[in-house]
Structures are given as C-alpha cells and as structure tokens.
Amino acid sequence: MSSEEKLVVFELNQQKFALSILGIQEIICLVKITNVPFAPNYIKGIINYRGHIISLINVSIYLNLPEKQIDQASRIIVIEHEENLLGLLVDSVFEVSRYNPADVKPPECIGNKTEYTSGFIQQNEDILQLLDIKILLESMQLETERRVSL
C-alpha cells in the first residue's frame, strides 16, 4: 500500500510541472540577481539566499522552452542537491499538493521517454509533468564539465 507524498506544482511557459517536495528548502519571491559573465545561458545569475551565494537556474531555458519575462508571479524554488543549494527560477508556483506515487504514469505512456520527466500525474483537469530534479541537475553538471574540458 502506497502512502501519499507531497509535490510543488509550478508553471513554465503555460505548462504545469511538479517536483517532489523532498529536497526543497523554500519557495521565495524574486531577489536581486547578479549576472555571471561566461556562464551557460540557463544560469540566470547568482543570488544571496540567507547569506549563501547560490546559482539561479532558469529552468525554462534549460528545457528549451520560451523564456517568460520575469514578473510579480515569478518565484525561486530553493533546493538542496548533494549538499549544495541552488535556485530554480519558475514562472509561478501554484500550490503544494498531495499525490499517490502509484498514480504516476511512466514517461513511456506518451510514446517516448522524456529526458527529465519521471512521469505524469493527472490532477483534476491538468496533467502535471513530474520533473526528476536529480537527472536534470546531473545533466547540467555534465554539460558544465564538458564545457570546461573544451
């Protein structure tokens, strides 16, 4: 018997995505962003988060979605990954919601494997893409290492 788990539902380019709440430190409003020269295009910059300097990743750009103008609804999801803090810039955050892991449909259900999606969840009228943050961040790290070795 599966128990319910929590996830954060957010928007990128008018599409709903979700992340497991595990590893999420906090969801914050926008703060001052400092640009970083020569950083990959998906690195929006760095921010001060409670005295820590952390990278701010524009998830839309990394997923090859059109970038939305930052506005009052934009949020930063602060996550911890391998003892590092990172900020994920998203268009908006809708809610923290519960789901049953047994109800997650595998990515193969749409006919092909989507690289960063661990599955899909039907929630009322919406279909949420459940992002696998570990795979997403490992892919970014590999890309960065590849750029440095060139």
Protein backbone atom coordinates (compact mmCIF):
# COMPACT_ATOMS: atom_id res chain seq x y z
CA MET A 1 0.00 0.00 0.00
CA SER A 2 1.45 3.39 -1.04
CA SER A 3 1.17 6.48 1.06
CA GLU A 4 0.64 9.93 -0.30
CA GLU A 5 3.58 12.24 -0.92
CA LYS A 6 3.78 15.99 -1.45
CA LEU A 7 4.84 17.92 -4.50
CA VAL A 8 5.17 21.54 -5.57
CA VAL A 9 3.15 22.47 -8.67
CA PHE A 10 4.62 25.28 -10.78
CA GLU A 11 4.34 26.79 -14.25
CA LEU A 12 6.81 27.14 -17.10
CA ASN A 13 5.62 28.56 -20.40
CA GLN A 14 1.95 27.97 -19.55
CA GLN A 15 2.60 24.29 -18.77
CA LYS A 16 2.28 22.74 -15.33
CA PHE A 17 5.20 20.89 -13.83
CA ALA A 18 5.79 19.36 -10.43
CA LEU A 19 8.69 18.49 -8.15
CA SER A 20 8.72 16.24 -5.13
CA ILE A 21 8.86 18.39 -2.02
CA LEU A 22 11.82 16.34 -0.78
CA GLY A 23 14.96 18.45 -1.09
CA ILE A 24 13.07 21.72 -1.43
CA GLN A 25 14.23 24.24 1.17
CA GLU A 26 11.88 27.12 0.44
CA ILE A 27 9.94 28.97 -2.24
CA ILE A 28 10.80 32.66 -2.33
CA CYS A 29 9.88 35.78 -4.25
CA LEU A 30 12.44 37.30 -6.57
CA VAL A 31 15.52 38.91 -5.08
CA LYS A 32 18.36 40.85 -6.69
CA ILE A 33 20.08 38.74 -9.36
CA THR A 34 23.77 39.29 -10.13
CA ASN A 35 24.83 38.30 -13.65
CA VAL A 36 27.78 35.93 -14.08
CA PRO A 37 29.89 36.51 -17.22
CA PHE A 38 30.53 33.47 -19.44
CA ALA A 39 28.06 31.28 -17.51
CA PRO A 40 25.88 28.89 -19.52
CA ASN A 41 22.75 30.60 -20.87
CA TYR A 42 20.46 28.74 -18.43
CA ILE A 43 22.30 30.26 -15.44
CA LYS A 44 20.33 33.44 -14.82
CA GLY A 45 22.93 34.59 -12.30
CA ILE A 46 23.62 34.27 -8.60
CA ILE A 47 21.60 35.38 -5.61
CA ASN A 48 22.10 35.90 -1.91
CA TYR A 49 19.99 33.33 -0.07
CA ARG A 50 20.24 33.73 3.70
CA GLY A 51 23.93 34.63 3.50
CA HIS A 52 24.76 31.93 0.92
CA ILE A 53 25.64 32.76 -2.67
CA ILE A 54 23.72 30.32 -4.87
CA SER A 55 23.29 29.82 -8.61
CA LEU A 56 19.93 30.69 -10.12
CA ILE A 57 18.90 28.31 -12.90
CA ASN A 58 16.31 29.38 -15.46
CA VAL A 59 14.52 26.04 -15.86
CA SER A 60 12.62 27.19 -18.96
CA ILE A 61 15.82 27.86 -20.87
CA TYR A 62 17.37 24.54 -19.86
CA LEU A 63 14.25 22.67 -21.01
CA ASN A 64 14.26 24.58 -24.33
CA LEU A 65 11.00 26.34 -23.54
CA PRO A 66 10.46 30.00 -24.45
CA GLU A 67 11.64 32.27 -21.66
CA LYS A 68 8.93 34.31 -19.97
CA GLN A 69 9.59 37.85 -18.78
CA ILE A 70 10.23 37.93 -15.03
CA ASP A 71 7.25 39.45 -13.24
CA GLN A 72 5.47 39.58 -9.86
CA ALA A 73 4.38 35.94 -10.18
CA SER A 74 7.93 34.63 -10.79
CA ARG A 75 9.33 32.53 -7.96
CA ILE A 76 12.56 30.86 -6.93
CA ILE A 77 12.40 27.30 -5.65
CA VAL A 78 15.45 26.80 -3.43
CA ILE A 79 16.59 23.19 -3.43
CA GLU A 80 19.39 21.24 -1.81
CA HIS A 81 21.26 18.82 -4.08
CA GLU A 82 24.36 16.94 -2.93
CA GLU A 83 24.81 19.37 -0.02
CA ASN A 84 24.65 22.39 -2.35
CA LEU A 85 21.88 24.96 -2.51
CA LEU A 86 20.51 26.02 -5.90
CA GLY A 87 17.68 28.29 -7.00
CA LEU A 88 15.25 27.28 -9.74
CA LEU A 89 13.59 30.22 -11.47
CA VAL A 90 9.99 29.38 -12.45
CA ASP A 91 7.16 31.45 -13.92
CA SER A 92 4.86 30.89 -10.93
CA VAL A 93 4.09 28.42 -8.15
CA PHE A 94 0.51 27.20 -7.81
CA GLU A 95 0.44 25.01 -4.72
CA VAL A 96 1.85 22.25 -2.61
CA SER A 97 -0.28 19.24 -3.32
CA ARG A 98 -0.54 15.56 -2.40
CA TYR A 99 -0.30 12.64 -4.79
CA ASN A 100 -0.11 8.88 -4.65
CA PRO A 101 3.10 7.58 -6.28
CA ALA A 102 1.09 4.62 -7.59
CA ASP A 103 -0.90 7.10 -9.75
CA VAL A 104 2.18 8.38 -11.60
CA LYS A 105 2.11 7.33 -15.25
CA PRO A 106 5.55 6.50 -16.65
CA PRO A 107 7.03 8.74 -19.37
CA GLU A 108 6.74 5.88 -21.84
CA CYS A 109 2.94 6.26 -21.72
CA ILE A 110 3.25 9.11 -24.26
CA GLY A 111 5.22 7.00 -26.70
CA ASN A 112 8.71 8.23 -25.95
CA LYS A 113 10.97 8.77 -22.97
CA THR A 114 11.27 12.39 -21.99
CA GLU A 115 14.70 13.00 -20.58
CA TYR A 116 13.91 14.91 -17.38
CA THR A 117 10.35 13.75 -16.73
CA SER A 118 9.95 10.87 -14.31
CA GLY A 119 6.23 10.62 -15.04
CA PHE A 120 2.87 12.31 -15.43
CA ILE A 121 0.18 12.92 -12.85
CA GLN A 122 -3.48 13.61 -13.64
CA GLN A 123 -4.73 16.29 -11.26
CA ASN A 124 -8.30 17.37 -11.90
CA GLU A 125 -8.26 18.82 -15.45
CA ASP A 126 -4.48 19.18 -15.55
CA ILE A 127 -1.69 16.82 -16.44
CA LEU A 128 1.44 17.56 -14.45
CA GLN A 129 4.91 16.67 -15.70
CA LEU A 130 6.85 15.35 -12.72
CA LEU A 131 10.44 16.54 -13.17
CA ASP A 132 13.28 14.37 -11.95
CA ILE A 133 15.42 17.07 -10.38
CA LYS A 134 18.33 14.70 -9.79
CA ILE A 135 18.60 13.82 -13.50
CA LEU A 136 18.12 17.46 -14.51
CA LEU A 137 20.92 18.70 -12.24
CA GLU A 138 23.27 15.84 -13.12
CA SER A 139 22.77 16.70 -16.80
CA MET A 140 23.63 20.34 -16.09
CA GLN A 141 26.75 19.27 -14.21
CA LEU A 142 27.87 17.03 -17.09
CA GLU A 143 27.28 19.88 -19.55
CA THR A 144 29.35 22.24 -17.39
CA GLU A 145 32.18 19.72 -17.10
CA ARG A 146 32.12 19.20 -20.86
CA ARG A 147 32.34 22.98 -21.46
CA VAL A 148 35.27 23.31 -19.05
CA SER A 149 37.22 20.48 -20.71
CA LEU A 150 36.91 22.07 -24.20
